[in-house]
N, C-alpha and C. Protein backbone atom coordinates (compact mmCIF):
# COMPACT_ATOMS: atom_id res chain seq x y z
N MET A 1 -122.00 66.42 49.06
CA MET A 1 -122.91 66.81 50.12
C MET A 1 -123.13 65.64 51.08
N ASN A 2 -123.28 65.97 52.38
CA ASN A 2 -123.57 64.94 53.38
C ASN A 2 -124.42 65.56 54.49
N ASP A 3 -124.59 64.84 55.60
CA ASP A 3 -125.44 65.34 56.68
C ASP A 3 -124.96 66.66 57.27
N ASP A 4 -123.66 66.95 57.15
CA ASP A 4 -123.14 68.22 57.66
C ASP A 4 -123.65 69.41 56.87
N ASP A 5 -124.20 69.15 55.69
CA ASP A 5 -124.71 70.22 54.84
C ASP A 5 -126.21 70.43 55.03
N ILE A 6 -126.76 69.88 56.11
CA ILE A 6 -128.18 70.04 56.44
C ILE A 6 -128.30 70.64 57.84
N ASP A 7 -129.08 71.68 57.98
CA ASP A 7 -129.38 72.29 59.27
C ASP A 7 -130.84 71.97 59.61
N MET A 8 -131.05 70.99 60.49
CA MET A 8 -132.39 70.56 60.86
C MET A 8 -132.94 71.50 61.94
N ILE A 9 -133.88 72.34 61.58
CA ILE A 9 -134.44 73.31 62.50
C ILE A 9 -135.52 72.67 63.37
N GLU A 10 -136.40 71.88 62.75
CA GLU A 10 -137.48 71.23 63.49
C GLU A 10 -137.94 70.00 62.73
N ARG A 11 -138.27 68.97 63.49
CA ARG A 11 -138.89 67.76 62.92
C ARG A 11 -139.95 67.29 63.91
N ARG A 12 -141.18 67.11 63.43
CA ARG A 12 -142.25 66.69 64.33
C ARG A 12 -143.23 65.78 63.59
N GLU A 13 -143.94 64.98 64.35
CA GLU A 13 -144.98 64.13 63.79
C GLU A 13 -146.23 64.97 63.58
N ALA A 14 -146.69 65.05 62.34
CA ALA A 14 -147.85 65.88 62.01
C ALA A 14 -149.15 65.08 61.98
N PHE A 15 -149.06 63.78 61.68
CA PHE A 15 -150.26 62.95 61.59
C PHE A 15 -149.87 61.50 61.76
N ARG A 16 -150.73 60.74 62.44
CA ARG A 16 -150.53 59.30 62.53
C ARG A 16 -151.89 58.61 62.41
N GLY A 17 -152.00 57.75 61.41
CA GLY A 17 -153.18 56.93 61.19
C GLY A 17 -152.71 55.61 60.63
N TYR A 18 -153.32 55.18 59.52
CA TYR A 18 -152.79 54.00 58.84
C TYR A 18 -151.35 54.26 58.41
N LEU A 19 -151.06 55.50 58.03
CA LEU A 19 -149.71 55.94 57.70
C LEU A 19 -149.33 57.10 58.62
N ARG A 20 -148.03 57.48 58.58
CA ARG A 20 -147.54 58.58 59.40
C ARG A 20 -146.95 59.66 58.51
N ILE A 21 -147.24 60.91 58.86
CA ILE A 21 -146.67 62.04 58.15
C ILE A 21 -145.84 62.86 59.13
N ASP A 22 -144.59 63.15 58.77
CA ASP A 22 -143.71 63.98 59.58
C ASP A 22 -143.53 65.33 58.88
N ALA A 23 -143.45 66.39 59.68
CA ALA A 23 -143.23 67.74 59.16
C ALA A 23 -141.79 68.17 59.48
N TYR A 24 -141.11 68.71 58.50
CA TYR A 24 -139.72 69.15 58.64
C TYR A 24 -139.62 70.64 58.35
N ARG A 25 -138.77 71.31 59.10
CA ARG A 25 -138.31 72.66 58.75
C ARG A 25 -136.80 72.62 58.79
N LEU A 26 -136.17 72.92 57.66
CA LEU A 26 -134.72 72.78 57.56
C LEU A 26 -134.18 73.71 56.47
N ARG A 27 -132.88 73.80 56.45
CA ARG A 27 -132.21 74.43 55.33
C ARG A 27 -131.02 73.56 54.97
N HIS A 28 -130.57 73.67 53.73
CA HIS A 28 -129.41 72.89 53.30
C HIS A 28 -128.46 73.77 52.50
N ARG A 29 -127.23 73.32 52.47
CA ARG A 29 -126.22 74.07 51.74
C ARG A 29 -126.48 73.96 50.24
N LEU A 30 -126.28 75.06 49.53
CA LEU A 30 -126.47 75.09 48.09
C LEU A 30 -125.19 74.63 47.38
N PHE A 31 -125.33 74.23 46.13
CA PHE A 31 -124.15 73.77 45.37
C PHE A 31 -123.12 74.89 45.24
N ALA A 32 -123.57 76.14 45.26
CA ALA A 32 -122.62 77.26 45.17
C ALA A 32 -121.87 77.51 46.48
N GLY A 33 -122.31 76.86 47.58
CA GLY A 33 -121.59 76.95 48.84
C GLY A 33 -122.33 77.63 49.98
N ALA A 34 -123.25 78.54 49.68
CA ALA A 34 -123.99 79.25 50.73
C ALA A 34 -125.11 78.37 51.27
N TRP A 35 -125.73 78.81 52.38
CA TRP A 35 -126.89 78.12 52.93
C TRP A 35 -128.15 78.64 52.26
N GLY A 36 -129.07 77.73 51.92
CA GLY A 36 -130.34 78.12 51.33
C GLY A 36 -131.31 78.65 52.39
N THR A 37 -132.44 79.17 51.94
CA THR A 37 -133.47 79.64 52.86
C THR A 37 -134.20 78.44 53.47
N PRO A 38 -134.77 78.59 54.67
CA PRO A 38 -135.47 77.46 55.31
C PRO A 38 -136.63 76.94 54.45
N LEU A 39 -136.76 75.62 54.45
CA LEU A 39 -137.82 74.94 53.71
C LEU A 39 -138.76 74.26 54.70
N VAL A 40 -140.03 74.21 54.37
CA VAL A 40 -141.01 73.44 55.13
C VAL A 40 -141.52 72.33 54.22
N ARG A 41 -141.37 71.08 54.68
CA ARG A 41 -141.78 69.94 53.89
C ARG A 41 -142.47 68.90 54.76
N GLU A 42 -143.48 68.22 54.18
CA GLU A 42 -144.10 67.07 54.84
C GLU A 42 -143.63 65.80 54.13
N VAL A 43 -143.40 64.76 54.92
CA VAL A 43 -142.90 63.50 54.38
C VAL A 43 -143.80 62.35 54.84
N LEU A 44 -144.23 61.55 53.88
CA LEU A 44 -144.94 60.31 54.21
C LEU A 44 -143.91 59.31 54.70
N ASN A 45 -144.00 58.94 55.99
CA ASN A 45 -143.01 58.06 56.59
C ASN A 45 -143.46 56.61 56.40
N ARG A 46 -143.06 56.01 55.31
CA ARG A 46 -143.55 54.68 54.91
C ARG A 46 -142.61 53.57 55.34
N GLY A 47 -141.32 53.88 55.52
CA GLY A 47 -140.38 52.84 55.94
C GLY A 47 -139.87 52.00 54.79
N ARG A 48 -139.41 50.79 55.13
CA ARG A 48 -138.80 49.90 54.13
C ARG A 48 -139.76 48.79 53.73
N CYS A 49 -139.71 48.43 52.46
CA CYS A 49 -140.51 47.34 51.93
C CYS A 49 -139.61 46.38 51.15
N ALA A 50 -140.09 45.18 50.99
CA ALA A 50 -139.42 44.19 50.15
C ALA A 50 -140.38 43.74 49.07
N GLY A 51 -139.89 43.66 47.85
CA GLY A 51 -140.69 43.17 46.74
C GLY A 51 -139.96 42.05 46.04
N VAL A 52 -140.71 41.14 45.40
CA VAL A 52 -140.05 40.02 44.73
C VAL A 52 -140.83 39.62 43.48
N LEU A 53 -140.12 39.55 42.37
CA LEU A 53 -140.66 39.01 41.13
C LEU A 53 -140.49 37.50 41.17
N LEU A 54 -141.59 36.78 41.21
CA LEU A 54 -141.56 35.32 41.27
C LEU A 54 -141.47 34.77 39.85
N PHE A 55 -140.43 33.98 39.60
CA PHE A 55 -140.11 33.52 38.24
C PHE A 55 -139.85 32.03 38.24
N ASP A 56 -140.56 31.34 37.36
CA ASP A 56 -140.33 29.90 37.13
C ASP A 56 -139.53 29.77 35.85
N PRO A 57 -138.21 29.51 35.91
CA PRO A 57 -137.38 29.49 34.72
C PRO A 57 -137.62 28.26 33.84
N VAL A 58 -138.14 27.20 34.42
CA VAL A 58 -138.39 25.99 33.64
C VAL A 58 -139.61 26.19 32.73
N ARG A 59 -140.66 26.77 33.27
CA ARG A 59 -141.88 27.00 32.51
C ARG A 59 -141.91 28.38 31.84
N ASP A 60 -140.92 29.21 32.11
CA ASP A 60 -140.82 30.57 31.57
C ASP A 60 -142.07 31.37 31.93
N ILE A 61 -142.38 31.38 33.23
CA ILE A 61 -143.58 32.00 33.76
C ILE A 61 -143.20 32.94 34.89
N VAL A 62 -143.87 34.09 34.97
CA VAL A 62 -143.78 34.94 36.14
C VAL A 62 -145.12 34.88 36.88
N VAL A 63 -145.05 35.02 38.19
CA VAL A 63 -146.25 35.00 39.02
C VAL A 63 -146.56 36.44 39.41
N LEU A 64 -147.70 36.94 38.95
CA LEU A 64 -148.13 38.30 39.24
C LEU A 64 -149.41 38.26 40.06
N ILE A 65 -149.62 39.31 40.85
CA ILE A 65 -150.81 39.38 41.69
C ILE A 65 -151.62 40.61 41.30
N GLU A 66 -152.90 40.60 41.69
CA GLU A 66 -153.79 41.73 41.42
C GLU A 66 -154.60 41.99 42.68
N GLN A 67 -154.64 43.26 43.11
CA GLN A 67 -155.40 43.61 44.29
C GLN A 67 -155.82 45.08 44.25
N PHE A 68 -156.79 45.43 45.11
CA PHE A 68 -157.29 46.79 45.19
C PHE A 68 -156.25 47.71 45.83
N ARG A 69 -156.05 48.90 45.23
CA ARG A 69 -155.09 49.87 45.74
C ARG A 69 -155.73 51.26 45.80
N ILE A 70 -155.82 51.81 47.01
CA ILE A 70 -156.48 53.09 47.20
C ILE A 70 -155.74 54.23 46.49
N GLY A 71 -154.41 54.14 46.40
CA GLY A 71 -153.64 55.19 45.73
C GLY A 71 -153.98 55.28 44.25
N ALA A 72 -154.19 54.14 43.61
CA ALA A 72 -154.57 54.14 42.20
C ALA A 72 -155.94 54.77 42.02
N LEU A 73 -156.87 54.47 42.94
CA LEU A 73 -158.19 55.07 42.88
C LEU A 73 -158.10 56.59 43.01
N ALA A 74 -157.30 57.06 43.97
CA ALA A 74 -157.14 58.50 44.19
C ALA A 74 -156.49 59.18 43.00
N ALA A 75 -155.67 58.45 42.24
CA ALA A 75 -155.00 59.01 41.07
C ALA A 75 -155.87 58.96 39.82
N GLY A 76 -157.10 58.43 39.96
CA GLY A 76 -157.99 58.35 38.81
C GLY A 76 -157.70 57.18 37.91
N ARG A 77 -156.96 56.20 38.42
CA ARG A 77 -156.64 54.98 37.66
C ARG A 77 -157.52 53.83 38.10
N ALA A 78 -157.49 52.74 37.32
CA ALA A 78 -158.20 51.53 37.72
C ALA A 78 -157.61 51.04 39.05
N PRO A 79 -158.44 50.84 40.08
CA PRO A 79 -157.89 50.55 41.41
C PRO A 79 -157.47 49.11 41.64
N TRP A 80 -157.78 48.19 40.71
CA TRP A 80 -157.24 46.83 40.83
C TRP A 80 -155.96 46.79 40.01
N VAL A 81 -154.85 46.61 40.70
CA VAL A 81 -153.52 46.83 40.12
C VAL A 81 -152.76 45.51 40.01
N VAL A 82 -152.14 45.29 38.85
CA VAL A 82 -151.28 44.13 38.64
C VAL A 82 -149.90 44.46 39.19
N GLU A 83 -149.39 43.58 40.05
CA GLU A 83 -148.15 43.87 40.78
C GLU A 83 -147.30 42.62 40.94
N VAL A 84 -146.10 42.83 41.46
CA VAL A 84 -145.30 41.74 42.01
C VAL A 84 -145.59 41.67 43.51
N VAL A 85 -145.26 40.56 44.10
CA VAL A 85 -145.45 40.36 45.54
C VAL A 85 -144.59 41.35 46.32
N ALA A 86 -145.14 41.90 47.41
CA ALA A 86 -144.38 42.85 48.24
C ALA A 86 -144.98 42.94 49.63
N GLY A 87 -144.18 43.42 50.58
CA GLY A 87 -144.66 43.62 51.94
C GLY A 87 -143.73 44.52 52.72
N VAL A 88 -144.22 45.02 53.83
CA VAL A 88 -143.47 45.94 54.68
C VAL A 88 -142.45 45.16 55.52
N ILE A 89 -141.25 45.71 55.63
CA ILE A 89 -140.21 45.14 56.48
C ILE A 89 -140.39 45.71 57.88
N GLU A 90 -140.73 44.86 58.82
CA GLU A 90 -140.92 45.30 60.20
C GLU A 90 -139.57 45.48 60.88
N HIS A 91 -139.59 46.04 62.10
CA HIS A 91 -138.36 46.34 62.84
C HIS A 91 -137.50 45.09 63.01
N ASN A 92 -136.23 45.20 62.65
CA ASN A 92 -135.23 44.14 62.79
C ASN A 92 -135.45 42.95 61.86
N GLU A 93 -136.34 43.07 60.87
CA GLU A 93 -136.52 41.99 59.90
C GLU A 93 -135.52 42.12 58.76
N ASP A 94 -135.20 40.99 58.17
CA ASP A 94 -134.34 40.92 56.99
C ASP A 94 -135.21 40.98 55.74
N ALA A 95 -134.78 41.74 54.73
CA ALA A 95 -135.58 41.92 53.53
C ALA A 95 -135.85 40.60 52.81
N GLY A 96 -134.85 39.73 52.76
CA GLY A 96 -135.05 38.44 52.10
C GLY A 96 -136.07 37.58 52.81
N THR A 97 -136.07 37.63 54.15
CA THR A 97 -137.06 36.89 54.93
C THR A 97 -138.46 37.38 54.63
N VAL A 98 -138.62 38.69 54.52
CA VAL A 98 -139.92 39.28 54.20
C VAL A 98 -140.37 38.85 52.81
N ALA A 99 -139.46 38.86 51.84
CA ALA A 99 -139.81 38.45 50.48
C ALA A 99 -140.32 37.01 50.46
N ARG A 100 -139.65 36.13 51.20
CA ARG A 100 -140.08 34.72 51.24
C ARG A 100 -141.44 34.59 51.93
N ARG A 101 -141.65 35.33 53.02
CA ARG A 101 -142.92 35.25 53.73
C ARG A 101 -144.07 35.77 52.87
N GLU A 102 -143.86 36.90 52.21
CA GLU A 102 -144.91 37.48 51.39
C GLU A 102 -145.23 36.60 50.19
N ALA A 103 -144.23 35.91 49.66
CA ALA A 103 -144.48 34.99 48.54
C ALA A 103 -145.44 33.88 48.96
N ARG A 104 -145.28 33.39 50.19
CA ARG A 104 -146.20 32.36 50.70
C ARG A 104 -147.59 32.93 50.95
N GLU A 105 -147.64 34.10 51.63
CA GLU A 105 -148.93 34.66 52.03
C GLU A 105 -149.74 35.19 50.85
N GLU A 106 -149.07 35.87 49.91
CA GLU A 106 -149.78 36.53 48.83
C GLU A 106 -149.96 35.68 47.59
N ALA A 107 -149.07 34.68 47.38
CA ALA A 107 -149.12 33.92 46.14
C ALA A 107 -149.08 32.41 46.33
N GLY A 108 -148.93 31.94 47.56
CA GLY A 108 -148.85 30.51 47.80
C GLY A 108 -147.62 29.85 47.21
N CYS A 109 -146.52 30.60 47.13
CA CYS A 109 -145.28 30.10 46.50
C CYS A 109 -144.15 30.00 47.52
N GLU A 110 -143.35 28.97 47.37
CA GLU A 110 -142.10 28.85 48.12
C GLU A 110 -140.95 29.26 47.22
N ILE A 111 -140.14 30.19 47.70
CA ILE A 111 -138.98 30.65 46.92
C ILE A 111 -137.84 29.67 47.08
N LEU A 112 -137.33 29.20 45.95
CA LEU A 112 -136.25 28.21 45.94
C LEU A 112 -134.87 28.86 45.90
N ASP A 113 -134.79 30.07 45.34
CA ASP A 113 -133.54 30.82 45.30
C ASP A 113 -133.92 32.29 45.15
N LEU A 114 -133.09 33.16 45.72
CA LEU A 114 -133.44 34.58 45.78
C LEU A 114 -132.25 35.42 45.35
N LEU A 115 -132.48 36.30 44.38
CA LEU A 115 -131.43 37.19 43.87
C LEU A 115 -131.84 38.64 44.05
N PRO A 116 -130.94 39.49 44.54
CA PRO A 116 -131.27 40.92 44.63
C PRO A 116 -131.29 41.58 43.26
N ILE A 117 -132.27 42.47 43.05
CA ILE A 117 -132.36 43.26 41.83
C ILE A 117 -131.86 44.68 42.09
N HIS A 118 -132.47 45.36 43.07
CA HIS A 118 -132.10 46.75 43.35
C HIS A 118 -132.68 47.15 44.70
N ASP A 119 -132.09 48.17 45.29
CA ASP A 119 -132.59 48.78 46.50
C ASP A 119 -132.75 50.27 46.20
N TYR A 120 -133.98 50.79 46.22
CA TYR A 120 -134.19 52.13 45.69
C TYR A 120 -135.23 52.91 46.51
N ILE A 121 -135.24 54.24 46.34
CA ILE A 121 -136.21 55.13 46.96
C ILE A 121 -137.38 55.28 46.00
N VAL A 122 -138.59 55.07 46.49
CA VAL A 122 -139.76 55.06 45.62
C VAL A 122 -140.09 56.46 45.11
N SER A 123 -140.20 57.43 46.01
CA SER A 123 -140.61 58.78 45.62
C SER A 123 -139.92 59.78 46.55
N PRO A 124 -138.63 60.09 46.30
CA PRO A 124 -137.84 60.85 47.26
C PRO A 124 -138.31 62.28 47.47
N GLY A 125 -139.19 62.79 46.64
CA GLY A 125 -139.68 64.15 46.83
C GLY A 125 -140.69 64.29 47.95
N CYS A 126 -141.30 63.15 48.38
CA CYS A 126 -142.35 63.29 49.39
C CYS A 126 -142.49 62.08 50.32
N SER A 127 -141.68 61.03 50.13
CA SER A 127 -141.87 59.81 50.91
C SER A 127 -140.52 59.22 51.29
N SER A 128 -140.48 58.58 52.47
CA SER A 128 -139.26 57.90 52.92
C SER A 128 -139.22 56.44 52.48
N GLU A 129 -140.22 55.98 51.74
CA GLU A 129 -140.31 54.55 51.41
C GLU A 129 -139.14 54.11 50.52
N THR A 130 -138.50 53.02 50.93
CA THR A 130 -137.49 52.38 50.11
C THR A 130 -137.91 50.93 49.86
N VAL A 131 -137.43 50.37 48.75
CA VAL A 131 -137.78 49.01 48.37
C VAL A 131 -136.52 48.20 48.12
N ALA A 132 -136.43 47.05 48.78
CA ALA A 132 -135.43 46.04 48.45
C ALA A 132 -136.11 45.06 47.51
N LEU A 133 -135.72 45.06 46.25
CA LEU A 133 -136.40 44.29 45.22
C LEU A 133 -135.57 43.07 44.83
N PHE A 134 -136.24 41.92 44.71
CA PHE A 134 -135.60 40.65 44.41
C PHE A 134 -136.27 39.96 43.23
N CYS A 135 -135.57 38.96 42.72
CA CYS A 135 -136.16 37.97 41.82
C CYS A 135 -136.07 36.63 42.54
N GLY A 136 -137.19 35.93 42.64
CA GLY A 136 -137.22 34.66 43.34
C GLY A 136 -137.59 33.52 42.42
N ARG A 137 -136.79 32.47 42.44
CA ARG A 137 -137.12 31.29 41.63
C ARG A 137 -138.19 30.47 42.34
N VAL A 138 -139.24 30.09 41.58
CA VAL A 138 -140.33 29.30 42.14
C VAL A 138 -140.72 28.20 41.16
N ASP A 139 -141.49 27.26 41.67
CA ASP A 139 -142.19 26.26 40.85
C ASP A 139 -143.62 26.75 40.73
N ALA A 140 -144.01 27.18 39.53
CA ALA A 140 -145.33 27.78 39.33
C ALA A 140 -146.35 26.79 38.80
N SER A 141 -146.09 25.50 38.94
CA SER A 141 -146.97 24.50 38.34
C SER A 141 -148.36 24.49 38.94
N HIS A 142 -148.50 24.93 40.19
CA HIS A 142 -149.82 24.89 40.83
C HIS A 142 -150.27 26.28 41.30
N VAL A 143 -149.76 27.32 40.66
CA VAL A 143 -150.07 28.69 41.07
C VAL A 143 -151.45 29.10 40.59
N GLY A 144 -152.15 29.87 41.42
CA GLY A 144 -153.44 30.42 41.03
C GLY A 144 -154.32 30.64 42.24
N GLY A 145 -155.53 31.13 42.01
CA GLY A 145 -156.49 31.31 43.08
C GLY A 145 -156.39 32.67 43.74
N VAL A 146 -157.06 32.77 44.89
CA VAL A 146 -157.09 34.01 45.67
C VAL A 146 -156.41 33.78 47.00
N HIS A 147 -155.50 34.68 47.36
CA HIS A 147 -154.69 34.54 48.57
C HIS A 147 -154.75 35.82 49.39
N GLY A 148 -153.93 35.86 50.44
CA GLY A 148 -153.86 37.03 51.31
C GLY A 148 -154.41 36.73 52.69
N LEU A 149 -154.14 37.66 53.62
CA LEU A 149 -154.58 37.51 55.00
C LEU A 149 -155.86 38.31 55.22
N ALA A 150 -156.92 37.62 55.61
CA ALA A 150 -158.22 38.28 55.78
C ALA A 150 -158.16 39.38 56.83
N HIS A 151 -157.40 39.14 57.93
CA HIS A 151 -157.36 40.15 59.00
C HIS A 151 -156.61 41.40 58.59
N GLU A 152 -155.87 41.36 57.47
CA GLU A 152 -155.22 42.55 56.93
C GLU A 152 -156.00 43.14 55.76
N GLY A 153 -157.20 42.60 55.51
CA GLY A 153 -158.03 43.11 54.43
C GLY A 153 -157.52 42.76 53.05
N GLU A 154 -156.73 41.70 52.94
CA GLU A 154 -156.14 41.33 51.66
C GLU A 154 -157.08 40.40 50.87
N ASP A 155 -157.23 40.70 49.61
CA ASP A 155 -158.00 39.88 48.67
C ASP A 155 -157.20 39.89 47.37
N ILE A 156 -156.32 38.91 47.20
CA ILE A 156 -155.28 38.97 46.19
C ILE A 156 -155.45 37.83 45.18
N ARG A 157 -155.68 38.20 43.94
CA ARG A 157 -155.76 37.20 42.88
C ARG A 157 -154.38 36.94 42.31
N VAL A 158 -154.06 35.67 42.13
CA VAL A 158 -152.72 35.26 41.69
C VAL A 158 -152.82 34.65 40.29
N ASP A 159 -151.92 35.08 39.40
CA ASP A 159 -151.90 34.56 38.03
C ASP A 159 -150.49 34.12 37.66
N ALA A 160 -150.41 32.97 36.99
CA ALA A 160 -149.17 32.51 36.37
C ALA A 160 -149.18 33.00 34.93
N VAL A 161 -148.25 33.90 34.60
CA VAL A 161 -148.27 34.59 33.31
C VAL A 161 -147.02 34.23 32.50
N PRO A 162 -147.17 33.70 31.28
CA PRO A 162 -145.99 33.49 30.45
C PRO A 162 -145.19 34.78 30.31
N VAL A 163 -143.87 34.64 30.32
CA VAL A 163 -143.01 35.82 30.30
C VAL A 163 -143.30 36.71 29.10
N ALA A 164 -143.52 36.10 27.94
CA ALA A 164 -143.80 36.90 26.74
C ALA A 164 -145.06 37.75 26.94
N GLU A 165 -146.09 37.19 27.59
CA GLU A 165 -147.31 37.95 27.85
C GLU A 165 -147.06 39.08 28.85
N ALA A 166 -146.23 38.81 29.85
CA ALA A 166 -145.90 39.85 30.84
C ALA A 166 -145.15 41.00 30.18
N PHE A 167 -144.22 40.67 29.29
CA PHE A 167 -143.48 41.73 28.59
C PHE A 167 -144.42 42.52 27.67
N ALA A 168 -145.38 41.85 27.05
CA ALA A 168 -146.34 42.55 26.20
C ALA A 168 -147.22 43.49 27.03
N ALA A 169 -147.65 43.02 28.21
CA ALA A 169 -148.44 43.87 29.10
C ALA A 169 -147.65 45.10 29.53
N LEU A 170 -146.36 44.90 29.77
CA LEU A 170 -145.49 46.02 30.14
C LEU A 170 -145.39 47.02 29.00
N ALA A 171 -145.17 46.52 27.78
CA ALA A 171 -145.03 47.40 26.62
C ALA A 171 -146.31 48.17 26.32
N GLU A 172 -147.45 47.56 26.63
CA GLU A 172 -148.75 48.18 26.34
C GLU A 172 -149.25 49.07 27.47
N GLY A 173 -148.47 49.18 28.56
CA GLY A 173 -148.85 50.05 29.67
C GLY A 173 -149.85 49.42 30.63
N ARG A 174 -150.08 48.12 30.54
CA ARG A 174 -151.02 47.46 31.45
C ARG A 174 -150.36 47.11 32.78
N VAL A 175 -149.05 47.20 32.85
CA VAL A 175 -148.32 47.14 34.12
C VAL A 175 -147.85 48.56 34.38
N ALA A 176 -148.39 49.19 35.44
CA ALA A 176 -148.22 50.65 35.57
C ALA A 176 -147.79 51.09 36.96
N ASN A 177 -147.08 50.24 37.70
CA ASN A 177 -146.50 50.66 38.99
C ASN A 177 -145.01 50.41 38.95
N SER A 178 -144.27 51.26 39.65
CA SER A 178 -142.81 51.30 39.47
C SER A 178 -142.13 49.99 39.83
N MET A 179 -142.55 49.35 40.93
CA MET A 179 -141.88 48.14 41.37
C MET A 179 -141.97 47.04 40.31
N SER A 180 -143.15 46.87 39.74
CA SER A 180 -143.36 45.83 38.74
C SER A 180 -142.65 46.16 37.43
N ILE A 181 -142.67 47.44 37.04
CA ILE A 181 -141.96 47.86 35.83
C ILE A 181 -140.47 47.59 35.97
N ILE A 182 -139.89 47.98 37.10
CA ILE A 182 -138.46 47.76 37.32
C ILE A 182 -138.13 46.27 37.28
N ALA A 183 -138.97 45.46 37.96
CA ALA A 183 -138.71 44.02 38.03
C ALA A 183 -138.77 43.37 36.66
N LEU A 184 -139.79 43.69 35.87
CA LEU A 184 -139.93 43.06 34.55
C LEU A 184 -138.88 43.56 33.57
N GLN A 185 -138.53 44.83 33.64
CA GLN A 185 -137.46 45.32 32.78
C GLN A 185 -136.13 44.67 33.15
N TRP A 186 -135.90 44.48 34.46
CA TRP A 186 -134.69 43.78 34.89
C TRP A 186 -134.67 42.35 34.33
N LEU A 187 -135.81 41.68 34.38
CA LEU A 187 -135.87 40.32 33.85
C LEU A 187 -135.57 40.30 32.36
N ALA A 188 -136.12 41.27 31.62
CA ALA A 188 -135.85 41.33 30.19
C ALA A 188 -134.36 41.49 29.90
N LEU A 189 -133.66 42.23 30.75
CA LEU A 189 -132.23 42.46 30.55
C LEU A 189 -131.36 41.31 31.05
N ASN A 190 -131.88 40.48 31.94
CA ASN A 190 -131.03 39.51 32.63
C ASN A 190 -131.44 38.05 32.43
N ARG A 191 -132.34 37.77 31.50
CA ARG A 191 -132.77 36.38 31.31
C ARG A 191 -131.61 35.48 30.90
N GLU A 192 -130.73 35.99 30.07
CA GLU A 192 -129.59 35.17 29.63
C GLU A 192 -128.69 34.83 30.81
N ALA A 193 -128.40 35.81 31.66
CA ALA A 193 -127.58 35.55 32.84
C ALA A 193 -128.28 34.61 33.80
N LEU A 194 -129.59 34.76 33.94
CA LEU A 194 -130.34 33.86 34.82
C LEU A 194 -130.27 32.42 34.30
N GLY A 195 -130.20 32.27 32.98
CA GLY A 195 -130.11 30.94 32.41
C GLY A 195 -128.87 30.19 32.84
N ARG A 196 -127.81 30.92 33.13
CA ARG A 196 -126.58 30.26 33.60
C ARG A 196 -126.72 29.83 35.06
N ARG A 197 -127.50 30.57 35.83
CA ARG A 197 -127.70 30.23 37.24
C ARG A 197 -128.86 29.25 37.43
N TRP A 198 -129.92 29.46 36.63
CA TRP A 198 -131.14 28.65 36.74
C TRP A 198 -131.39 27.99 35.39
N PRO A 199 -130.79 26.85 35.10
CA PRO A 199 -130.99 26.20 33.80
C PRO A 199 -132.47 25.99 33.50
N GLY A 200 -132.82 26.19 32.24
CA GLY A 200 -134.21 26.00 31.82
C GLY A 200 -134.87 27.27 31.38
N VAL A 201 -134.22 28.43 31.54
CA VAL A 201 -134.83 29.69 31.15
C VAL A 201 -135.17 29.66 29.66
N GLY A 202 -136.41 30.01 29.36
CA GLY A 202 -136.83 30.11 27.97
C GLY A 202 -137.20 28.81 27.33
N ARG A 203 -137.18 27.69 28.08
CA ARG A 203 -137.55 26.39 27.52
C ARG A 203 -138.74 25.85 28.30
N PRO A 204 -139.96 26.28 27.94
CA PRO A 204 -141.15 25.87 28.70
C PRO A 204 -141.29 24.36 28.76
N ARG A 205 -141.81 23.89 29.89
CA ARG A 205 -142.03 22.47 30.08
C ARG A 205 -143.46 22.27 30.59
N THR A 206 -144.17 21.34 30.02
CA THR A 206 -145.55 21.08 30.46
C THR A 206 -145.54 20.18 31.70
């Protein structure tokens, strides 16, 4: 299937506020070959984001942030959410540049090396948001405190967390957002490979 198998009948902007919602009316070709009946769908037009798991391989520490999230509140969850650093990719920006900028703004960290993890669609049933996810090597020796940009309403607590504790939080369900779950599971699968690129993995140093 490709774009030729989609008949776009109408696309319009239905709402614009902090976020934008677009309304679609379309039909698409079925796997059996015929055209399906017209569908009406609304899409949250979120755009592209970059996320980065900040990892200190010498101290075996990940840098995680915690901040208020309205979506968690609306879902009936605790609204202060433990996450990896992330930010929106503006027009003509490079995802890696955004990851480095957000690491400074949200966590006070300079990324020393950056590796891609995955590029994925967050919720394809209702949103256009995609995430370019990275792992960034940092020096976490002085990490902590509260960061973020006041004019963007950010109030972000930063924690340096031993990897074993982060994995335990993941296993216990205390890390409950997709970007952070993907990043930490990737780290669990790739620590040995990272050790060849970033010597010191798994050997904490005071």
